[in-house]
């Protein structure tokens, strides 16, 4: 009877070790997944902000204002500005 109990305990210890290893691996995978999701969200937010900024600059240029650093905010008087158009194409 004592040998049977020892055999069961040994089996349970091995099972516990395997389960502990599985839990550790799953936690590591979860941490990687959360990190990847957070990075993806930050990238999407950054792209959205850049997209909004670009749209605002394009709108200002269409309204007749310079968006280039040298003349930013001044009226273009209907003429095209090479520097402004190059900024919009980037």
N, C-alpha and C. Protein backbone atom coordinates (compact mmCIF):
# COMPACT_ATOMS: atom_id res chain seq x y z
N UNK A 1 0.82 -1.19 0.00
CA UNK A 1 0.00 0.00 0.00
C UNK A 1 0.87 1.25 0.00
N UNK A 2 1.96 1.25 0.73
CA UNK A 2 2.86 2.40 0.80
C UNK A 2 3.52 2.68 -0.53
N UNK A 3 3.86 1.61 -1.29
CA UNK A 3 4.48 1.79 -2.60
C UNK A 3 3.50 2.43 -3.58
N UNK A 4 2.25 2.05 -3.47
CA UNK A 4 1.23 2.61 -4.36
C UNK A 4 1.05 4.10 -4.10
N UNK A 5 1.06 4.51 -2.87
CA UNK A 5 0.93 5.92 -2.51
C UNK A 5 2.14 6.70 -3.01
N UNK A 6 3.35 6.13 -2.83
CA UNK A 6 4.56 6.79 -3.32
C UNK A 6 4.52 6.94 -4.84
N UNK A 7 4.04 5.94 -5.55
CA UNK A 7 3.95 5.99 -7.00
C UNK A 7 2.96 7.08 -7.43
N UNK A 8 1.84 7.17 -6.74
CA UNK A 8 0.85 8.22 -7.05
C UNK A 8 1.41 9.61 -6.77
N UNK A 9 2.13 9.75 -5.66
CA UNK A 9 2.74 11.04 -5.33
C UNK A 9 3.77 11.44 -6.39
N UNK A 10 4.57 10.50 -6.83
CA UNK A 10 5.57 10.78 -7.86
C UNK A 10 4.86 11.22 -9.15
N UNK A 11 3.80 10.50 -9.51
CA UNK A 11 3.03 10.86 -10.71
C UNK A 11 2.43 12.26 -10.58
N UNK A 12 1.87 12.56 -9.40
CA UNK A 12 1.28 13.88 -9.17
C UNK A 12 2.34 14.98 -9.22
N UNK A 13 3.54 14.73 -8.70
CA UNK A 13 4.61 15.71 -8.75
C UNK A 13 5.02 16.00 -10.20
N UNK A 14 5.10 14.95 -11.03
CA UNK A 14 5.43 15.15 -12.44
C UNK A 14 4.34 15.95 -13.15
N UNK A 15 3.09 15.62 -12.85
CA UNK A 15 1.97 16.35 -13.45
C UNK A 15 2.01 17.82 -13.03
N UNK A 16 2.29 18.06 -11.76
CA UNK A 16 2.37 19.42 -11.24
C UNK A 16 3.49 20.20 -11.94
N UNK A 17 4.64 19.56 -12.14
CA UNK A 17 5.75 20.20 -12.84
C UNK A 17 5.35 20.57 -14.26
N UNK A 18 4.66 19.64 -14.96
CA UNK A 18 4.24 19.92 -16.33
C UNK A 18 3.21 21.05 -16.38
N UNK A 19 2.27 21.04 -15.45
CA UNK A 19 1.26 22.09 -15.41
C UNK A 19 1.88 23.45 -15.09
N UNK A 20 2.84 23.45 -14.17
CA UNK A 20 3.53 24.70 -13.82
C UNK A 20 4.28 25.24 -15.03
N UNK A 21 4.94 24.36 -15.78
CA UNK A 21 5.64 24.79 -16.99
C UNK A 21 4.67 25.34 -18.02
N UNK A 22 3.51 24.70 -18.17
CA UNK A 22 2.49 25.18 -19.10
C UNK A 22 1.98 26.57 -18.70
N UNK A 23 1.73 26.75 -17.44
CA UNK A 23 1.26 28.04 -16.94
C UNK A 23 2.32 29.11 -17.20
N UNK A 24 3.57 28.80 -16.94
CA UNK A 24 4.66 29.75 -17.16
C UNK A 24 4.74 30.13 -18.65
N UNK A 25 4.63 29.14 -19.54
CA UNK A 25 4.67 29.41 -20.98
C UNK A 25 3.48 30.26 -21.43
N UNK A 26 2.31 29.95 -20.90
CA UNK A 26 1.11 30.73 -21.26
C UNK A 26 1.21 32.17 -20.77
N UNK A 27 1.75 32.36 -19.59
CA UNK A 27 1.93 33.73 -19.08
C UNK A 27 2.90 34.51 -19.95
N UNK A 28 3.99 33.86 -20.37
CA UNK A 28 4.97 34.52 -21.24
C UNK A 28 4.33 34.88 -22.58
N UNK A 29 3.54 33.97 -23.13
CA UNK A 29 2.87 34.23 -24.40
C UNK A 29 1.87 35.37 -24.26
N UNK A 30 1.15 35.40 -23.15
CA UNK A 30 0.19 36.47 -22.90
C UNK A 30 0.90 37.81 -22.80
N UNK A 31 2.03 37.85 -22.12
CA UNK A 31 2.79 39.09 -21.99
C UNK A 31 3.25 39.57 -23.36
N UNK A 32 3.71 38.64 -24.21
CA UNK A 32 4.14 39.03 -25.57
C UNK A 32 2.95 39.55 -26.37
N UNK A 33 1.81 38.91 -26.24
CA UNK A 33 0.62 39.33 -26.97
C UNK A 33 0.18 40.71 -26.53
N UNK A 34 0.17 40.95 -25.23
CA UNK A 34 -0.22 42.27 -24.73
C UNK A 34 0.74 43.33 -25.23
N UNK A 35 2.03 43.03 -25.22
CA UNK A 35 3.02 43.98 -25.71
C UNK A 35 2.82 44.28 -27.18
N UNK A 36 2.53 43.26 -27.97
CA UNK A 36 2.31 43.44 -29.40
C UNK A 36 1.05 44.26 -29.64
N UNK A 37 0.00 43.98 -28.91
CA UNK A 37 -1.25 44.72 -29.07
C UNK A 37 -1.06 46.19 -28.69
N UNK A 38 -0.34 46.44 -27.61
CA UNK A 38 -0.10 47.81 -27.18
C UNK A 38 0.73 48.56 -28.22
N UNK A 39 1.76 47.91 -28.77
CA UNK A 39 2.58 48.53 -29.80
C UNK A 39 1.75 48.84 -31.04
N UNK A 40 0.88 47.93 -31.40
CA UNK A 40 0.03 48.13 -32.58
C UNK A 40 -0.91 49.31 -32.36
N UNK A 41 -1.49 49.41 -31.16
CA UNK A 41 -2.39 50.52 -30.85
C UNK A 41 -1.65 51.85 -30.92
N UNK A 42 -0.43 51.90 -30.38
CA UNK A 42 0.36 53.13 -30.43
C UNK A 42 0.67 53.53 -31.86
N UNK A 43 1.02 52.56 -32.69
CA UNK A 43 1.32 52.84 -34.09
C UNK A 43 0.09 53.37 -34.81
N UNK A 44 -1.06 52.75 -34.55
CA UNK A 44 -2.29 53.21 -35.19
C UNK A 44 -2.66 54.61 -34.74
N UNK A 45 -2.47 54.92 -33.45
CA UNK A 45 -2.75 56.25 -32.95
C UNK A 45 -1.82 57.27 -33.60
N UNK A 46 -0.54 56.93 -33.71
CA UNK A 46 0.44 57.82 -34.33
C UNK A 46 0.09 58.07 -35.79
N UNK A 47 -0.31 57.02 -36.51
CA UNK A 47 -0.68 57.19 -37.91
C UNK A 47 -1.94 58.04 -38.05
N UNK A 48 -2.88 57.87 -37.12
CA UNK A 48 -4.09 58.67 -37.17
C UNK A 48 -3.76 60.14 -36.95
N UNK A 49 -2.88 60.45 -36.00
CA UNK A 49 -2.50 61.82 -35.73
C UNK A 49 -1.78 62.41 -36.94
N UNK A 50 -0.85 61.64 -37.52
CA UNK A 50 -0.14 62.10 -38.71
C UNK A 50 -1.12 62.33 -39.86
N UNK A 51 -2.07 61.45 -40.02
CA UNK A 51 -3.08 61.61 -41.07
C UNK A 51 -3.92 62.85 -40.87
N UNK A 52 -4.29 63.14 -39.63
CA UNK A 52 -5.07 64.34 -39.33
C UNK A 52 -4.24 65.59 -39.59
N UNK A 53 -2.96 65.55 -39.21
CA UNK A 53 -2.07 66.70 -39.45
C UNK A 53 -1.90 66.97 -40.93
N UNK A 54 -1.70 65.90 -41.70
CA UNK A 54 -1.56 66.03 -43.14
C UNK A 54 -2.82 66.61 -43.75
N UNK A 55 -3.97 66.11 -43.31
CA UNK A 55 -5.25 66.60 -43.83
C UNK A 55 -5.43 68.08 -43.51
N UNK A 56 -5.02 68.49 -42.33
CA UNK A 56 -5.14 69.91 -41.96
C UNK A 56 -4.24 70.78 -42.82
N UNK A 57 -3.00 70.32 -43.06
CA UNK A 57 -2.09 71.09 -43.92
C UNK A 57 -2.63 71.18 -45.34
N UNK A 58 -3.14 70.07 -45.85
CA UNK A 58 -3.70 70.08 -47.20
C UNK A 58 -4.89 71.03 -47.29
N UNK A 59 -5.73 71.04 -46.26
CA UNK A 59 -6.88 71.95 -46.24
C UNK A 59 -6.43 73.40 -46.23
N UNK A 60 -5.43 73.72 -45.41
CA UNK A 60 -4.90 75.09 -45.37
C UNK A 60 -4.35 75.50 -46.73
N UNK A 61 -3.63 74.60 -47.38
CA UNK A 61 -3.06 74.92 -48.69
C UNK A 61 -4.18 75.15 -49.71
N UNK A 62 -5.22 74.32 -49.67
CA UNK A 62 -6.35 74.48 -50.58
C UNK A 62 -7.10 75.78 -50.33
N UNK A 63 -7.07 76.25 -49.09
CA UNK A 63 -7.72 77.51 -48.76
C UNK A 63 -6.89 78.72 -49.17
N UNK A 64 -5.68 78.46 -49.68
CA UNK A 64 -4.87 79.55 -50.21
C UNK A 64 -3.75 80.02 -49.29
N UNK A 65 -3.39 79.24 -48.29
CA UNK A 65 -2.33 79.63 -47.38
C UNK A 65 -1.07 78.80 -47.61
N UNK A 66 0.07 79.40 -47.33
CA UNK A 66 1.34 78.66 -47.38
C UNK A 66 1.41 77.71 -46.19
N UNK A 67 1.99 76.54 -46.44
CA UNK A 67 2.25 75.60 -45.34
C UNK A 67 3.74 75.35 -45.20
N UNK A 68 4.55 75.98 -46.02
CA UNK A 68 6.00 75.81 -45.94
C UNK A 68 6.54 76.63 -44.76
N UNK A 69 7.66 76.22 -44.20
CA UNK A 69 8.19 76.92 -43.03
C UNK A 69 8.54 78.40 -43.26
N UNK A 70 8.94 78.74 -44.49
CA UNK A 70 9.37 80.12 -44.74
C UNK A 70 8.21 81.11 -44.74
N UNK A 71 7.04 80.68 -45.19
CA UNK A 71 5.89 81.59 -45.33
C UNK A 71 4.64 81.05 -44.66
N UNK A 72 4.78 80.18 -43.71
CA UNK A 72 3.65 79.48 -43.11
C UNK A 72 2.56 80.46 -42.67
N UNK A 73 1.35 80.18 -43.13
CA UNK A 73 0.19 80.96 -42.71
C UNK A 73 -0.08 82.21 -43.52
N UNK A 74 0.82 82.59 -44.41
CA UNK A 74 0.56 83.78 -45.23
C UNK A 74 -0.20 83.36 -46.49
N UNK A 75 -0.96 84.30 -47.06
CA UNK A 75 -1.73 84.01 -48.26
C UNK A 75 -0.82 83.76 -49.45
N UNK A 76 -1.20 82.83 -50.31
CA UNK A 76 -0.42 82.52 -51.50
C UNK A 76 -0.79 83.43 -52.66
N UNK A 77 -1.86 84.13 -52.59
CA UNK A 77 -2.34 85.03 -53.65
C UNK A 77 -2.58 84.27 -54.96
N UNK A 78 -3.08 83.05 -54.85
CA UNK A 78 -3.44 82.27 -56.02
C UNK A 78 -2.30 81.57 -56.73
N UNK A 79 -1.08 81.83 -56.35
CA UNK A 79 0.06 81.19 -57.03
C UNK A 79 0.46 79.91 -56.30
N UNK A 80 1.00 78.96 -57.06
CA UNK A 80 1.47 77.71 -56.47
C UNK A 80 2.82 77.95 -55.81
N UNK A 81 3.07 77.23 -54.73
CA UNK A 81 4.36 77.30 -54.03
C UNK A 81 5.03 75.94 -54.15
N UNK A 82 6.20 75.92 -54.74
CA UNK A 82 6.91 74.66 -54.96
C UNK A 82 7.23 73.96 -53.64
N UNK A 83 7.64 74.72 -52.63
CA UNK A 83 8.00 74.13 -51.34
C UNK A 83 6.76 73.52 -50.67
N UNK A 84 5.64 74.24 -50.72
CA UNK A 84 4.40 73.72 -50.13
C UNK A 84 3.96 72.44 -50.82
N UNK A 85 4.00 72.43 -52.15
CA UNK A 85 3.56 71.23 -52.86
C UNK A 85 4.49 70.06 -52.59
N UNK A 86 5.78 70.31 -52.43
CA UNK A 86 6.71 69.22 -52.11
C UNK A 86 6.41 68.67 -50.71
N UNK A 87 6.05 69.53 -49.77
CA UNK A 87 5.68 69.07 -48.43
C UNK A 87 4.44 68.18 -48.48
N UNK A 88 3.49 68.55 -49.31
CA UNK A 88 2.27 67.76 -49.41
C UNK A 88 2.51 66.41 -50.08
N UNK A 89 3.46 66.34 -50.98
CA UNK A 89 3.75 65.10 -51.69
C UNK A 89 4.53 64.12 -50.84
N UNK A 90 5.22 64.59 -49.83
CA UNK A 90 6.02 63.71 -48.96
C UNK A 90 5.14 62.84 -48.21
